[in-house]
Amino acid sequence: MLSCKEVSCLASKGLDSHLSRRERFGLWMHLMMCRLCRRYVRDLRFLRRVFTRAGQGGMPPAARATLPKASRERIRRALSNADQG
């Protein structure tokens, strides 16, 4: 049986590419027995959907809010000073 660590790698891999039949079966078997990994895979899929929507401009305006120009400048200066110091 797969370990939880192996399942986390397979779940991530499965979002980006197709898993082999053996990998899918091993993942399925583990998820049937491990509640924490089921939750992890569910949350991973949720995050994928949210970030995909955000990248396509499908998020509400409040979620796409940007920093005011003054704040961006303050952060830029602080990072520049940190690099020099």
N, C-alpha and C. Protein backbone atom coordinates (compact mmCIF):
# COMPACT_ATOMS: atom_id res chain seq x y z
N MET A 1 0.85 -1.18 0.00
CA MET A 1 0.00 0.00 0.00
C MET A 1 0.89 1.24 0.00
N LEU A 2 0.40 2.29 -0.61
CA LEU A 2 1.14 3.54 -0.69
C LEU A 2 1.16 4.26 0.66
N SER A 3 2.23 5.00 0.89
CA SER A 3 2.30 5.82 2.10
C SER A 3 1.59 7.14 1.83
N CYS A 4 1.31 7.87 2.88
CA CYS A 4 0.66 9.18 2.73
C CYS A 4 1.54 10.13 1.91
N LYS A 5 2.84 10.04 2.09
CA LYS A 5 3.76 10.88 1.33
C LYS A 5 3.68 10.56 -0.16
N GLU A 6 3.64 9.29 -0.49
CA GLU A 6 3.52 8.89 -1.90
C GLU A 6 2.19 9.34 -2.49
N VAL A 7 1.14 9.28 -1.69
CA VAL A 7 -0.18 9.71 -2.15
C VAL A 7 -0.19 11.21 -2.43
N SER A 8 0.47 11.99 -1.59
CA SER A 8 0.50 13.43 -1.84
C SER A 8 1.22 13.74 -3.15
N CYS A 9 2.29 13.01 -3.45
CA CYS A 9 3.01 13.20 -4.72
C CYS A 9 2.14 12.78 -5.90
N LEU A 10 1.46 11.65 -5.78
CA LEU A 10 0.60 11.17 -6.86
C LEU A 10 -0.59 12.10 -7.09
N ALA A 11 -1.15 12.61 -6.02
CA ALA A 11 -2.29 13.51 -6.16
C ALA A 11 -1.88 14.77 -6.90
N SER A 12 -0.73 15.30 -6.58
CA SER A 12 -0.22 16.48 -7.26
C SER A 12 0.09 16.16 -8.72
N LYS A 13 0.74 15.04 -8.95
CA LYS A 13 1.08 14.62 -10.31
C LYS A 13 -0.20 14.42 -11.13
N GLY A 14 -1.22 13.87 -10.51
CA GLY A 14 -2.48 13.61 -11.19
C GLY A 14 -3.20 14.86 -11.65
N LEU A 15 -2.94 15.97 -11.02
CA LEU A 15 -3.54 17.23 -11.45
C LEU A 15 -2.89 17.75 -12.73
N ASP A 16 -1.62 17.41 -12.93
CA ASP A 16 -0.87 17.93 -14.07
C ASP A 16 -0.75 16.97 -15.24
N SER A 17 -0.90 15.68 -14.98
CA SER A 17 -0.78 14.69 -16.05
C SER A 17 -1.61 13.47 -15.71
N HIS A 18 -1.66 12.53 -16.63
CA HIS A 18 -2.42 11.31 -16.41
C HIS A 18 -1.59 10.33 -15.59
N LEU A 19 -2.25 9.67 -14.66
CA LEU A 19 -1.60 8.64 -13.86
C LEU A 19 -1.78 7.29 -14.56
N SER A 20 -0.83 6.41 -14.35
CA SER A 20 -0.98 5.06 -14.89
C SER A 20 -2.11 4.36 -14.15
N ARG A 21 -2.56 3.26 -14.72
CA ARG A 21 -3.64 2.50 -14.09
C ARG A 21 -3.22 2.03 -12.70
N ARG A 22 -1.97 1.59 -12.56
CA ARG A 22 -1.46 1.13 -11.27
C ARG A 22 -1.44 2.29 -10.25
N GLU A 23 -1.00 3.47 -10.68
CA GLU A 23 -0.96 4.63 -9.78
C GLU A 23 -2.36 5.03 -9.35
N ARG A 24 -3.30 5.05 -10.31
CA ARG A 24 -4.68 5.41 -9.97
C ARG A 24 -5.28 4.42 -8.98
N PHE A 25 -5.02 3.14 -9.20
CA PHE A 25 -5.56 2.12 -8.30
C PHE A 25 -4.96 2.25 -6.90
N GLY A 26 -3.64 2.44 -6.83
CA GLY A 26 -2.99 2.60 -5.53
C GLY A 26 -3.50 3.83 -4.80
N LEU A 27 -3.67 4.91 -5.54
CA LEU A 27 -4.20 6.14 -4.95
C LEU A 27 -5.62 5.91 -4.43
N TRP A 28 -6.45 5.27 -5.24
CA TRP A 28 -7.83 4.99 -4.86
C TRP A 28 -7.89 4.13 -3.60
N MET A 29 -7.07 3.07 -3.57
CA MET A 29 -7.06 2.18 -2.41
C MET A 29 -6.68 2.94 -1.14
N HIS A 30 -5.65 3.76 -1.24
CA HIS A 30 -5.20 4.51 -0.06
C HIS A 30 -6.28 5.49 0.38
N LEU A 31 -6.90 6.18 -0.58
CA LEU A 31 -7.92 7.16 -0.22
C LEU A 31 -9.15 6.53 0.42
N MET A 32 -9.42 5.27 0.09
CA MET A 32 -10.55 4.57 0.72
C MET A 32 -10.29 4.34 2.20
N MET A 33 -9.03 4.29 2.59
CA MET A 33 -8.69 3.98 3.98
C MET A 33 -8.20 5.18 4.78
N CYS A 34 -7.76 6.24 4.13
CA CYS A 34 -7.12 7.34 4.84
C CYS A 34 -7.93 8.63 4.71
N ARG A 35 -8.58 8.99 5.77
CA ARG A 35 -9.43 10.18 5.80
C ARG A 35 -8.61 11.46 5.58
N LEU A 36 -7.42 11.52 6.16
CA LEU A 36 -6.60 12.72 6.03
C LEU A 36 -6.13 12.93 4.60
N CYS A 37 -5.79 11.87 3.92
CA CYS A 37 -5.38 12.01 2.51
C CYS A 37 -6.57 12.38 1.63
N ARG A 38 -7.76 11.84 1.93
CA ARG A 38 -8.96 12.26 1.18
C ARG A 38 -9.16 13.74 1.32
N ARG A 39 -9.00 14.26 2.53
CA ARG A 39 -9.16 15.69 2.77
C ARG A 39 -8.09 16.47 2.02
N TYR A 40 -6.85 15.97 2.04
CA TYR A 40 -5.75 16.64 1.35
C TYR A 40 -6.03 16.73 -0.16
N VAL A 41 -6.47 15.62 -0.76
CA VAL A 41 -6.75 15.60 -2.19
C VAL A 41 -7.92 16.53 -2.51
N ARG A 42 -8.94 16.52 -1.68
CA ARG A 42 -10.08 17.42 -1.88
C ARG A 42 -9.63 18.87 -1.84
N ASP A 43 -8.81 19.22 -0.85
CA ASP A 43 -8.32 20.60 -0.72
C ASP A 43 -7.40 20.97 -1.88
N LEU A 44 -6.59 20.04 -2.34
CA LEU A 44 -5.70 20.27 -3.47
C LEU A 44 -6.50 20.58 -4.73
N ARG A 45 -7.55 19.83 -4.95
CA ARG A 45 -8.42 20.07 -6.12
C ARG A 45 -9.13 21.42 -6.00
N PHE A 46 -9.57 21.74 -4.80
CA PHE A 46 -10.23 23.03 -4.57
C PHE A 46 -9.28 24.18 -4.89
N LEU A 47 -8.05 24.11 -4.38
CA LEU A 47 -7.07 25.16 -4.64
C LEU A 47 -6.78 25.29 -6.13
N ARG A 48 -6.70 24.16 -6.80
CA ARG A 48 -6.47 24.19 -8.25
C ARG A 48 -7.58 24.94 -8.96
N ARG A 49 -8.84 24.67 -8.59
CA ARG A 49 -9.98 25.37 -9.21
C ARG A 49 -9.93 26.86 -8.92
N VAL A 50 -9.64 27.22 -7.67
CA VAL A 50 -9.61 28.64 -7.28
C VAL A 50 -8.53 29.38 -8.05
N PHE A 51 -7.32 28.82 -8.10
CA PHE A 51 -6.24 29.51 -8.77
C PHE A 51 -6.42 29.54 -10.28
N THR A 52 -7.05 28.52 -10.83
CA THR A 52 -7.35 28.53 -12.26
C THR A 52 -8.34 29.64 -12.57
N ARG A 53 -9.38 29.75 -11.76
CA ARG A 53 -10.35 30.83 -11.97
C ARG A 53 -9.71 32.19 -11.79
N ALA A 54 -8.85 32.33 -10.80
CA ALA A 54 -8.19 33.62 -10.56
C ALA A 54 -7.32 34.00 -11.74
N GLY A 55 -6.64 33.03 -12.33
CA GLY A 55 -5.78 33.30 -13.47
C GLY A 55 -6.56 33.68 -14.71
N GLN A 56 -7.81 33.29 -14.78
CA GLN A 56 -8.65 33.60 -15.93
C GLN A 56 -9.47 34.86 -15.71
N GLY A 57 -9.25 35.55 -14.60
CA GLY A 57 -10.00 36.76 -14.32
C GLY A 57 -11.40 36.49 -13.80
N GLY A 58 -11.66 35.28 -13.33
CA GLY A 58 -12.99 34.93 -12.87
C GLY A 58 -13.24 35.22 -11.40
N MET A 59 -12.31 35.86 -10.73
CA MET A 59 -12.50 36.16 -9.32
C MET A 59 -13.25 37.48 -9.17
N PRO A 60 -13.99 37.65 -8.08
CA PRO A 60 -14.67 38.91 -7.85
C PRO A 60 -13.65 40.04 -7.70
N PRO A 61 -14.05 41.29 -7.98
CA PRO A 61 -13.12 42.42 -7.93
C PRO A 61 -12.38 42.54 -6.60
N ALA A 62 -13.03 42.24 -5.49
CA ALA A 62 -12.37 42.37 -4.19
C ALA A 62 -11.20 41.40 -4.09
N ALA A 63 -11.31 40.24 -4.70
CA ALA A 63 -10.24 39.26 -4.64
C ALA A 63 -9.08 39.63 -5.56
N ARG A 64 -9.33 40.50 -6.55
CA ARG A 64 -8.28 40.93 -7.47
C ARG A 64 -7.72 42.29 -7.10
N ALA A 65 -8.09 42.80 -5.95
CA ALA A 65 -7.67 44.14 -5.55
C ALA A 65 -6.15 44.26 -5.54
N THR A 66 -5.66 45.42 -5.92
CA THR A 66 -4.22 45.66 -5.92
C THR A 66 -3.88 46.66 -4.84
N LEU A 67 -2.63 46.71 -4.50
CA LEU A 67 -2.17 47.66 -3.49
C LEU A 67 -2.18 49.07 -4.08
N PRO A 68 -2.44 50.05 -3.24
CA PRO A 68 -2.33 51.43 -3.71
C PRO A 68 -0.88 51.73 -4.12
N LYS A 69 -0.71 52.69 -5.02
CA LYS A 69 0.61 53.02 -5.53
C LYS A 69 1.58 53.38 -4.41
N ALA A 70 1.13 54.14 -3.41
CA ALA A 70 2.00 54.54 -2.31
C ALA A 70 2.51 53.32 -1.54
N SER A 71 1.65 52.33 -1.35
CA SER A 71 2.06 51.12 -0.63
C SER A 71 3.08 50.33 -1.45
N ARG A 72 2.85 50.24 -2.75
CA ARG A 72 3.81 49.53 -3.61
C ARG A 72 5.17 50.21 -3.56
N GLU A 73 5.19 51.53 -3.58
CA GLU A 73 6.47 52.26 -3.52
C GLU A 73 7.17 52.04 -2.18
N ARG A 74 6.40 52.06 -1.09
CA ARG A 74 6.97 51.84 0.24
C ARG A 74 7.60 50.45 0.33
N ILE A 75 6.92 49.46 -0.21
CA ILE A 75 7.44 48.09 -0.20
C ILE A 75 8.69 48.01 -1.08
N ARG A 76 8.64 48.63 -2.24
CA ARG A 76 9.80 48.63 -3.15
C ARG A 76 11.02 49.25 -2.47
N ARG A 77 10.83 50.38 -1.77
CA ARG A 77 11.94 51.03 -1.07
C ARG A 77 12.48 50.13 0.06
N ALA A 78 11.57 49.50 0.79
CA ALA A 78 12.00 48.63 1.89
C ALA A 78 12.80 47.45 1.37
N LEU A 79 12.38 46.87 0.25
CA LEU A 79 13.13 45.76 -0.33
C LEU A 79 14.48 46.21 -0.87
N SER A 80 14.50 47.38 -1.46
CA SER A 80 15.76 47.93 -1.97
C SER A 80 16.73 48.18 -0.83
N ASN A 81 16.24 48.75 0.27
CA ASN A 81 17.09 49.01 1.44
C ASN A 81 17.58 47.70 2.05
N ALA A 82 16.75 46.68 2.06
CA ALA A 82 17.15 45.39 2.63
C ALA A 82 18.25 44.75 1.78
N ASP A 83 18.18 44.91 0.45
CA ASP A 83 19.19 44.38 -0.43
C ASP A 83 20.54 45.08 -0.23
N GLN A 84 20.51 46.37 0.07
CA GLN A 84 21.72 47.15 0.23
C GLN A 84 22.34 46.95 1.61
N GLY A 85 21.52 46.62 2.57
CA GLY A 85 22.00 46.52 3.95
C GLY A 85 22.48 45.21 4.34
